[in-house]
Structure formats: structure tokens, C-alpha cells
Amino acid sequence: MQDLEIRGYYPGVVGKITELHAVYYHENWGFDVTFETQVGGELADFVRRLDGNRDALWVATKNEEFAGSIAIDGGDAFDDGARLRWFIVAPQFQGFGIGKHLIRQAVDFCKQKRFPKVFLWTFKGLEDARRLYEGFDFRLCKESRVIQWGKRIMEQKYELKLL
């Protein structure tokens, strides 16, 4: 993929990831301010304590423009599993394989660290993301209706067993 760069943290990226999540999910799903503040707060805490022996953050840029992100929070990797978080690709960069590349990076990291499983939380309706997850053998393991971020959603947990 020409002009695609995958790198880690850089100054300003916490804001870029938070903004992309907030705008995308507000415009497409009607999520309220609680979504943005949750993403921003939890992401800032994660970056502050990021430990390269168990955690990772990858940022995709294309032609030096922010294109997407993904992270692995390995804090409880050997108990509950590593958590895949903050996966998003900017709408103008969707359909070019960036999401697949980011997920592969995250899953490969978990395999290298010998984590027994990886999980993620999402919600029903994100069909393109669901297909990507299932393409890497993530399986739906839990569903429940919740009222969150100002909306009623079907929350879903996907899991990938590695060992």
C-alpha cells in the first residue's frame, strides 16, 4: 500500500483518535458527548501507562494524513485476555485494506506475546468491521441490549482464541 505508514504514538494522536471516533459515531450512530469523553479519557489513561512489553498502539497515516488506529491493551492478557481497542479507519480511507492491515498488526503482536486470547467490544450494525473481525477468526461470544452513549444498542463481545 503506497504511502501508508504504520507507527506508534506521536504528539497529538490521542486527540486525532478521539476526534475521529467522536465525529464518526455521532454522525453515523447519534452517539452523545459521553462517547467522546469515554474514548478520550480511557485512551489518555492507556497512553500514559503504555508498556511495550504488553501494550501497543498503531497509527496509520497515508500521505502523512491520519488514516486510522488500533491498540492492544495487554494489562489483563493472561487472565481475561488482551483487549483490542480504538480500532477505526477514517471514512475517506476505508476500502483500501488499512483496517485489515491494522488488525493483522494487532493479532500478530498478541501471538508474539503468546497471549491466550484477544477480545473486543463493539455493537451490532458495524458490518464492515464485523466482517474484518470474522476474517481473522474472531467469534461472537456475548450480546446484550444496553443504553449507552445516548442510544439503545446491541453490545457485542468478540473473542479470538490464540492458544
Protein backbone atom coordinates (compact mmCIF):
# COMPACT_ATOMS: atom_id res chain seq x y z
CA MET A 1 0.00 0.00 0.00
CA GLN A 2 1.79 3.05 -1.30
CA ASP A 3 2.38 5.95 1.08
CA LEU A 4 0.92 4.03 4.04
CA GLU A 5 2.92 4.32 7.23
CA ILE A 6 2.18 2.46 10.46
CA ARG A 7 3.77 3.91 13.55
CA GLY A 8 3.21 4.30 17.25
CA TYR A 9 2.35 7.24 19.43
CA TYR A 10 3.22 10.76 18.31
CA PRO A 11 2.21 14.11 19.83
CA GLY A 12 -1.40 14.99 19.06
CA VAL A 13 -2.52 11.48 18.13
CA VAL A 14 -4.66 10.99 21.25
CA GLY A 15 -6.71 13.97 20.09
CA LYS A 16 -6.89 12.73 16.49
CA ILE A 17 -8.09 9.25 17.53
CA THR A 18 -10.64 10.74 19.94
CA GLU A 19 -11.90 13.24 17.36
CA LEU A 20 -12.31 10.62 14.63
CA HIS A 21 -14.26 8.33 16.98
CA ALA A 22 -16.43 11.18 18.30
CA VAL A 23 -17.31 12.63 14.90
CA TYR A 24 -17.81 9.29 13.13
CA TYR A 25 -20.04 7.76 15.80
CA HIS A 26 -22.02 10.95 16.32
CA GLU A 27 -22.66 11.46 12.60
CA ASN A 28 -23.41 7.81 11.82
CA TRP A 29 -24.94 6.50 15.05
CA GLY A 30 -26.04 9.57 17.02
CA PHE A 31 -23.75 8.93 19.99
CA ASP A 32 -23.64 11.76 22.50
CA VAL A 33 -20.85 13.51 24.39
CA THR A 34 -20.44 10.61 26.81
CA PHE A 35 -18.92 8.55 23.99
CA GLU A 36 -16.30 11.16 23.16
CA THR A 37 -15.37 11.70 26.80
CA GLN A 38 -15.11 7.95 27.43
CA VAL A 39 -12.88 7.41 24.38
CA GLY A 40 -10.68 10.40 25.20
CA GLY A 41 -10.34 9.61 28.90
CA GLU A 42 -9.66 5.90 28.51
CA LEU A 43 -7.26 6.44 25.60
CA ALA A 44 -5.31 9.10 27.52
CA ASP A 45 -5.02 6.76 30.53
CA PHE A 46 -3.88 3.93 28.25
CA VAL A 47 -1.18 6.02 26.55
CA ARG A 48 0.03 7.32 29.92
CA ARG A 49 0.63 3.76 31.21
CA LEU A 50 1.53 2.11 27.89
CA ASP A 51 4.06 -0.69 28.47
CA GLY A 52 5.64 -2.02 25.27
CA ASN A 53 6.04 -5.46 26.84
CA ARG A 54 2.27 -5.94 26.87
CA ASP A 55 0.57 -2.99 25.13
CA ALA A 56 0.75 -1.40 21.71
CA LEU A 57 -0.74 1.48 19.77
CA TRP A 58 -0.54 1.66 15.98
CA VAL A 59 -1.46 4.66 13.93
CA ALA A 60 -1.93 4.53 10.17
CA THR A 61 -1.08 7.56 8.08
CA LYS A 62 -1.47 7.81 4.34
CA ASN A 63 0.36 10.61 2.57
CA GLU A 64 1.13 11.90 6.08
CA GLU A 65 -2.60 12.25 6.88
CA PHE A 66 -4.10 10.45 9.89
CA ALA A 67 -5.96 7.42 8.49
CA GLY A 68 -6.77 5.20 11.47
CA SER A 69 -5.68 3.44 14.62
CA ILE A 70 -5.79 0.28 16.68
CA ALA A 71 -4.42 -0.68 20.08
CA ILE A 72 -3.85 -3.74 22.22
CA ASP A 73 -4.25 -3.36 25.95
CA GLY A 74 -2.43 -6.34 27.43
CA GLY A 75 -2.86 -5.40 31.08
CA ASP A 76 -5.01 -8.49 31.79
CA ALA A 77 -3.86 -10.57 28.83
CA PHE A 78 -3.12 -13.74 30.78
CA ASP A 79 -6.33 -13.60 32.81
CA ASP A 80 -9.20 -12.05 30.82
CA GLY A 81 -7.34 -11.74 27.51
CA ALA A 82 -5.73 -8.87 25.66
CA ARG A 83 -8.22 -6.20 24.62
CA LEU A 84 -8.30 -4.81 21.11
CA ARG A 85 -9.33 -1.14 21.31
CA TRP A 86 -9.68 2.12 19.39
CA PHE A 87 -9.89 0.44 16.00
CA ILE A 88 -11.07 2.91 13.41
CA VAL A 89 -10.31 3.91 9.85
CA ALA A 90 -11.25 7.39 8.63
CA PRO A 91 -14.12 7.19 6.10
CA GLN A 92 -12.04 8.59 3.24
CA PHE A 93 -9.51 5.77 3.74
CA GLN A 94 -11.95 2.89 4.11
CA GLY A 95 -11.92 0.17 1.48
CA PHE A 96 -8.17 0.27 0.84
CA GLY A 97 -7.14 -2.53 3.22
CA ILE A 98 -5.90 -0.28 6.02
CA GLY A 99 -8.26 -1.84 8.56
CA LYS A 100 -7.14 -5.35 7.63
CA HIS A 101 -3.51 -4.27 7.93
CA LEU A 102 -4.11 -2.78 11.39
CA ILE A 103 -5.94 -5.86 12.68
CA ARG A 104 -3.20 -8.13 11.35
CA GLN A 105 -0.62 -5.98 13.19
CA ALA A 106 -2.58 -6.29 16.44
CA VAL A 107 -3.21 -10.04 16.16
CA ASP A 108 0.43 -10.72 15.24
CA PHE A 109 1.56 -8.71 18.28
CA CYS A 110 -0.70 -10.84 20.53
CA LYS A 111 0.65 -14.05 19.00
CA GLN A 112 4.25 -12.88 19.52
CA LYS A 113 3.46 -12.12 23.16
CA ARG A 114 1.83 -15.55 23.47
CA PHE A 115 -1.40 -14.10 24.81
CA PRO A 116 -4.01 -16.88 25.08
CA LYS A 117 -6.83 -14.78 23.62
CA VAL A 118 -7.83 -11.35 22.34
CA PHE A 119 -11.26 -9.78 22.75
CA LEU A 120 -13.03 -6.63 21.70
CA TRP A 121 -16.31 -4.87 22.44
CA THR A 122 -18.40 -3.44 19.63
CA PHE A 123 -22.06 -3.17 18.76
CA LYS A 124 -24.39 -4.68 16.21
CA GLY A 125 -24.59 -2.79 12.94
CA LEU A 126 -20.91 -2.25 12.16
CA GLU A 127 -20.97 -4.82 9.36
CA ASP A 128 -17.69 -3.95 7.63
CA ALA A 129 -15.82 -4.20 10.93
CA ARG A 130 -17.63 -7.44 11.81
CA ARG A 131 -16.51 -8.99 8.52
CA LEU A 132 -12.92 -7.95 9.24
CA TYR A 133 -13.03 -9.46 12.73
CA GLU A 134 -14.55 -12.69 11.47
CA GLY A 135 -11.93 -12.83 8.72
CA PHE A 136 -9.34 -13.12 11.49
CA ASP A 137 -11.44 -15.81 13.25
CA PHE A 138 -12.87 -13.61 15.98
CA ARG A 139 -16.15 -15.14 17.13
CA LEU A 140 -19.16 -13.50 18.72
CA CYS A 141 -19.33 -14.75 22.31
CA LYS A 142 -21.71 -12.34 24.07
CA GLU A 143 -24.54 -9.97 23.20
CA SER A 144 -26.73 -7.75 25.35
CA ARG A 145 -29.02 -4.78 24.86
CA VAL A 146 -27.78 -1.69 26.65
CA ILE A 147 -28.49 2.01 26.75
CA GLN A 148 -25.14 3.67 26.29
CA TRP A 149 -23.86 6.91 24.76
CA GLY A 150 -27.41 8.20 24.48
CA LYS A 151 -28.62 5.26 22.36
CA ARG A 152 -30.05 1.79 22.76
CA ILE A 153 -27.55 -0.61 21.17
CA MET A 154 -26.86 -4.33 20.99
CA GLU A 155 -23.44 -4.54 22.59
CA GLN A 156 -21.29 -7.41 21.33
CA LYS A 157 -18.14 -9.09 22.53
CA TYR A 158 -15.92 -10.89 20.04
CA GLU A 159 -13.08 -13.17 21.04
CA LEU A 160 -10.16 -14.81 19.27
CA LYS A 161 -8.52 -17.78 20.97
CA LEU A 162 -4.79 -17.92 20.21
CA LEU A 163 -3.53 -20.78 22.39
